[in-house]
Amino acid sequence: MMIQQEQFDDLLSRTALAALFYYPEIAVDDDGPNLQNDIAYCLEPVVGIADEDAEQLRVAIGRVITNPTAHRSELLSLVIELAPPPAE
């Protein structure tokens, strides 16, 4: 299954939004808002991607949400690697 560039753009937008609203006191395994739910929300646009790619994205997204400055280039590099080349 080929994931389109627009889907990766949506993933990045969702990740940026989740990072903007993240606060360290957020519970990791609570029934309310939590980091795992935020990561799942960010991955929704790329449902169907290979499991190993999804796991790499899951880790990178979690890092970006909790510390965007330190980890955003890692996520961008991964998205560039996984996304199809832009149409000219």
N, C-alpha and C. Protein backbone atom coordinates (compact mmCIF):
# COMPACT_ATOMS: atom_id res chain seq x y z
N MET A 1 0.84 -1.18 0.00
CA MET A 1 0.00 0.00 0.00
C MET A 1 0.88 1.24 0.00
N MET A 2 0.62 2.11 -0.96
CA MET A 2 1.40 3.34 -1.06
C MET A 2 0.71 4.44 -0.25
N ILE A 3 1.45 5.00 0.68
CA ILE A 3 0.94 6.11 1.48
C ILE A 3 1.28 7.40 0.74
N GLN A 4 0.30 8.25 0.55
CA GLN A 4 0.48 9.49 -0.20
C GLN A 4 1.15 10.57 0.65
N GLN A 5 1.80 11.51 -0.02
CA GLN A 5 2.47 12.62 0.65
C GLN A 5 1.51 13.39 1.55
N GLU A 6 0.27 13.58 1.08
CA GLU A 6 -0.71 14.32 1.87
C GLU A 6 -0.98 13.66 3.22
N GLN A 7 -0.92 12.34 3.24
CA GLN A 7 -1.14 11.61 4.49
C GLN A 7 0.02 11.86 5.46
N PHE A 8 1.24 11.90 4.93
CA PHE A 8 2.39 12.20 5.79
C PHE A 8 2.33 13.65 6.27
N ASP A 9 1.87 14.55 5.42
CA ASP A 9 1.70 15.95 5.83
C ASP A 9 0.70 16.05 6.97
N ASP A 10 -0.38 15.28 6.88
CA ASP A 10 -1.38 15.25 7.95
C ASP A 10 -0.77 14.71 9.23
N LEU A 11 0.04 13.65 9.12
CA LEU A 11 0.73 13.10 10.29
C LEU A 11 1.59 14.16 10.95
N LEU A 12 2.35 14.92 10.16
CA LEU A 12 3.21 15.97 10.73
C LEU A 12 2.39 17.07 11.38
N SER A 13 1.28 17.44 10.77
CA SER A 13 0.41 18.47 11.35
C SER A 13 -0.17 18.01 12.68
N ARG A 14 -0.62 16.78 12.72
CA ARG A 14 -1.19 16.24 13.95
C ARG A 14 -0.12 16.16 15.05
N THR A 15 1.09 15.78 14.67
CA THR A 15 2.18 15.69 15.64
C THR A 15 2.52 17.06 16.20
N ALA A 16 2.56 18.06 15.33
CA ALA A 16 2.83 19.42 15.79
C ALA A 16 1.76 19.89 16.76
N LEU A 17 0.51 19.60 16.45
CA LEU A 17 -0.59 19.98 17.32
C LEU A 17 -0.50 19.27 18.67
N ALA A 18 -0.20 17.98 18.63
CA ALA A 18 -0.07 17.22 19.88
C ALA A 18 1.08 17.75 20.72
N ALA A 19 2.19 18.13 20.07
CA ALA A 19 3.33 18.69 20.80
C ALA A 19 2.98 20.04 21.41
N LEU A 20 2.20 20.82 20.69
CA LEU A 20 1.80 22.14 21.19
C LEU A 20 0.99 22.03 22.47
N PHE A 21 0.14 21.03 22.54
CA PHE A 21 -0.74 20.88 23.70
C PHE A 21 -0.21 19.90 24.75
N TYR A 22 0.97 19.35 24.54
CA TYR A 22 1.54 18.39 25.49
C TYR A 22 1.99 19.12 26.76
N TYR A 23 1.79 18.48 27.88
CA TYR A 23 2.36 18.94 29.13
C TYR A 23 2.88 17.72 29.88
N PRO A 24 4.02 17.85 30.55
CA PRO A 24 4.69 16.70 31.16
C PRO A 24 3.85 15.91 32.15
N GLU A 25 2.85 16.52 32.75
CA GLU A 25 2.04 15.82 33.74
C GLU A 25 1.03 14.87 33.09
N ILE A 26 0.96 14.86 31.77
CA ILE A 26 0.01 14.00 31.07
C ILE A 26 0.28 12.54 31.44
N ALA A 27 -0.76 11.81 31.69
CA ALA A 27 -0.62 10.41 32.09
C ALA A 27 -0.27 9.55 30.87
N VAL A 28 0.51 8.53 31.09
CA VAL A 28 0.88 7.63 30.00
C VAL A 28 -0.14 6.52 29.84
N ASP A 29 -0.73 6.05 30.91
CA ASP A 29 -1.65 4.93 30.80
C ASP A 29 -2.97 5.19 31.51
N ASP A 30 -3.40 6.43 31.51
CA ASP A 30 -4.68 6.83 32.10
C ASP A 30 -5.78 6.64 31.05
N ASP A 31 -7.02 6.61 31.49
CA ASP A 31 -8.13 6.50 30.54
C ASP A 31 -8.42 7.83 29.84
N GLY A 32 -7.99 8.93 30.42
CA GLY A 32 -8.20 10.24 29.83
C GLY A 32 -7.13 10.53 28.79
N PRO A 33 -6.87 11.80 28.54
CA PRO A 33 -5.82 12.16 27.58
C PRO A 33 -4.49 11.56 28.01
N ASN A 34 -3.80 10.96 27.07
CA ASN A 34 -2.49 10.41 27.39
C ASN A 34 -1.62 10.36 26.14
N LEU A 35 -0.35 10.15 26.35
CA LEU A 35 0.62 10.18 25.26
C LEU A 35 0.33 9.10 24.23
N GLN A 36 -0.04 7.91 24.65
CA GLN A 36 -0.31 6.83 23.69
C GLN A 36 -1.51 7.16 22.80
N ASN A 37 -2.52 7.80 23.37
CA ASN A 37 -3.67 8.23 22.55
C ASN A 37 -3.25 9.30 21.55
N ASP A 38 -2.38 10.23 21.98
CA ASP A 38 -1.90 11.27 21.07
C ASP A 38 -1.11 10.65 19.92
N ILE A 39 -0.27 9.67 20.21
CA ILE A 39 0.52 9.01 19.18
C ILE A 39 -0.40 8.28 18.20
N ALA A 40 -1.39 7.58 18.72
CA ALA A 40 -2.35 6.88 17.86
C ALA A 40 -3.09 7.86 16.96
N TYR A 41 -3.48 9.01 17.51
CA TYR A 41 -4.14 10.05 16.72
C TYR A 41 -3.22 10.53 15.59
N CYS A 42 -1.97 10.73 15.88
CA CYS A 42 -1.01 11.20 14.87
C CYS A 42 -0.80 10.17 13.76
N LEU A 43 -0.90 8.89 14.09
CA LEU A 43 -0.66 7.82 13.12
C LEU A 43 -1.89 7.50 12.26
N GLU A 44 -3.06 8.02 12.61
CA GLU A 44 -4.28 7.70 11.86
C GLU A 44 -4.16 7.93 10.35
N PRO A 45 -3.53 9.01 9.89
CA PRO A 45 -3.46 9.22 8.44
C PRO A 45 -2.66 8.16 7.68
N VAL A 46 -1.79 7.43 8.36
CA VAL A 46 -0.96 6.45 7.66
C VAL A 46 -1.29 5.01 8.06
N VAL A 47 -2.54 4.79 8.46
CA VAL A 47 -2.98 3.43 8.78
C VAL A 47 -2.73 2.57 7.54
N GLY A 48 -2.19 1.40 7.74
CA GLY A 48 -1.90 0.51 6.62
C GLY A 48 -0.43 0.48 6.26
N ILE A 49 0.35 1.35 6.88
CA ILE A 49 1.79 1.34 6.63
C ILE A 49 2.38 0.08 7.26
N ALA A 50 3.49 -0.39 6.76
CA ALA A 50 4.14 -1.60 7.28
C ALA A 50 4.37 -1.47 8.79
N ASP A 51 4.23 -2.59 9.49
CA ASP A 51 4.34 -2.59 10.96
C ASP A 51 5.67 -2.02 11.44
N GLU A 52 6.77 -2.39 10.81
CA GLU A 52 8.07 -1.90 11.28
C GLU A 52 8.19 -0.40 11.05
N ASP A 53 7.64 0.10 9.95
CA ASP A 53 7.64 1.55 9.69
C ASP A 53 6.75 2.26 10.70
N ALA A 54 5.60 1.67 10.99
CA ALA A 54 4.68 2.26 11.96
C ALA A 54 5.34 2.35 13.34
N GLU A 55 6.09 1.33 13.70
CA GLU A 55 6.75 1.33 15.00
C GLU A 55 7.83 2.43 15.06
N GLN A 56 8.58 2.58 13.97
CA GLN A 56 9.58 3.66 13.92
C GLN A 56 8.91 5.02 14.05
N LEU A 57 7.80 5.19 13.34
CA LEU A 57 7.05 6.45 13.43
C LEU A 57 6.50 6.66 14.83
N ARG A 58 5.99 5.60 15.43
CA ARG A 58 5.42 5.69 16.78
C ARG A 58 6.47 6.23 17.76
N VAL A 59 7.66 5.69 17.71
CA VAL A 59 8.73 6.13 18.61
C VAL A 59 9.11 7.57 18.32
N ALA A 60 9.29 7.90 17.05
CA ALA A 60 9.70 9.25 16.67
C ALA A 60 8.62 10.28 17.05
N ILE A 61 7.36 9.95 16.83
CA ILE A 61 6.27 10.86 17.17
C ILE A 61 6.23 11.09 18.68
N GLY A 62 6.37 10.03 19.46
CA GLY A 62 6.40 10.19 20.91
C GLY A 62 7.51 11.10 21.37
N ARG A 63 8.66 10.97 20.76
CA ARG A 63 9.80 11.84 21.11
C ARG A 63 9.51 13.28 20.74
N VAL A 64 8.93 13.49 19.56
CA VAL A 64 8.64 14.85 19.11
C VAL A 64 7.58 15.50 20.00
N ILE A 65 6.57 14.76 20.37
CA ILE A 65 5.53 15.32 21.23
C ILE A 65 6.12 15.78 22.55
N THR A 66 7.01 15.00 23.13
CA THR A 66 7.55 15.32 24.45
C THR A 66 8.72 16.30 24.41
N ASN A 67 9.42 16.38 23.26
CA ASN A 67 10.55 17.31 23.15
C ASN A 67 10.77 17.65 21.67
N PRO A 68 9.94 18.54 21.13
CA PRO A 68 9.99 18.83 19.69
C PRO A 68 11.33 19.35 19.20
N THR A 69 11.96 20.21 19.96
CA THR A 69 13.21 20.81 19.52
C THR A 69 14.30 19.76 19.33
N ALA A 70 14.38 18.82 20.23
CA ALA A 70 15.44 17.81 20.18
C ALA A 70 15.20 16.73 19.13
N HIS A 71 13.93 16.47 18.76
CA HIS A 71 13.64 15.29 17.95
C HIS A 71 12.93 15.54 16.62
N ARG A 72 12.58 16.76 16.30
CA ARG A 72 11.81 16.99 15.08
C ARG A 72 12.55 16.59 13.82
N SER A 73 13.87 16.78 13.79
CA SER A 73 14.62 16.41 12.58
C SER A 73 14.61 14.90 12.36
N GLU A 74 14.58 14.13 13.44
CA GLU A 74 14.49 12.67 13.33
C GLU A 74 13.18 12.26 12.66
N LEU A 75 12.07 12.87 13.07
CA LEU A 75 10.78 12.55 12.47
C LEU A 75 10.73 13.01 11.01
N LEU A 76 11.22 14.19 10.73
CA LEU A 76 11.23 14.68 9.35
C LEU A 76 12.04 13.77 8.44
N SER A 77 13.19 13.33 8.90
CA SER A 77 14.01 12.42 8.11
C SER A 77 13.29 11.11 7.83
N LEU A 78 12.61 10.59 8.82
CA LEU A 78 11.86 9.35 8.67
C LEU A 78 10.71 9.52 7.68
N VAL A 79 9.99 10.62 7.77
CA VAL A 79 8.89 10.88 6.85
C VAL A 79 9.42 11.04 5.42
N ILE A 80 10.53 11.73 5.25
CA ILE A 80 11.12 11.89 3.92
C ILE A 80 11.50 10.53 3.36
N GLU A 81 12.01 9.66 4.20
CA GLU A 81 12.40 8.32 3.76
C GLU A 81 11.17 7.48 3.35
N LEU A 82 10.07 7.60 4.09
CA LEU A 82 8.91 6.76 3.85
C LEU A 82 7.93 7.32 2.82
N ALA A 83 7.89 8.62 2.67
CA ALA A 83 6.93 9.25 1.76
C ALA A 83 7.40 9.14 0.32
N PRO A 84 6.46 9.10 -0.61
CA PRO A 84 6.84 9.09 -2.03
C PRO A 84 7.44 10.45 -2.39
N PRO A 85 8.26 10.49 -3.44
CA PRO A 85 8.82 11.78 -3.85
C PRO A 85 7.68 12.72 -4.27
N PRO A 86 7.85 14.01 -4.00
CA PRO A 86 6.79 14.96 -4.36
C PRO A 86 6.58 15.00 -5.87
N ALA A 87 5.35 15.19 -6.26
CA ALA A 87 5.02 15.29 -7.69
C ALA A 87 5.47 16.64 -8.21
N GLU A 88 6.00 16.64 -9.40
CA GLU A 88 6.47 17.91 -9.98
C GLU A 88 5.48 18.47 -10.94
